């Protein structure tokens, strides 16, 4: 065996490979802060104002990036109030476990829409959409807009897309991205998605060497 080639191979590998166990440990160790719902004044003491907030599930997890659930994604009045310019539906579809919206749903708004037909299963290959999702999120943020990223509950598919964006476009390592988002919203990507994010992390680290 050519030892020089073998050494070169090891030099191309990250010093520490990111694994599923690393991701899982960080996920469960990171506590989520209790924050007011974006767009509302937490100091306003008004019963009707409070009732309006009851159907809203939304958190700003990074400047200009919001994650929420399907019900909030359909609340066009709230999205307008928040100043949302882009919507990423990470669960587009008509079956159970999906969100039945498309670009026509937002046709009466100025919102730009992208739908990804992802099932929240460990076997789903979400990685093939990493670059697509990252580019769309980056388009919103880099132009001064605001993006609402959602799936059904805003915990797994949507969170994974935002994590991929932070890694691909912001140069964050997976652990840092996971901590950033988890501190601002209770997220819980399934193990298959976490594994694919770990693989993305290792791939990005190799490209930097």
Foldseek 3Di string as FASTA:
>chain_A
DPVVVVVVVVVLFDPDAFALVNLVVLLVVFAADDDDAPLDDPPDDDPVSVVVCPQWAWWDLDVQEIEFALSNVLPVVVCVSNQAAEEEELADDDDPQWHPDDVVSCVVDNHHYDYHNFHLDLPTPLVVCLVVLLVRSCVQVVVPGHYYYYTHGRAARRLLSQLSNCCPPVVDASSVSSSSRCHTDNHDHDSSSSRSSSVVNRVVSSVVD
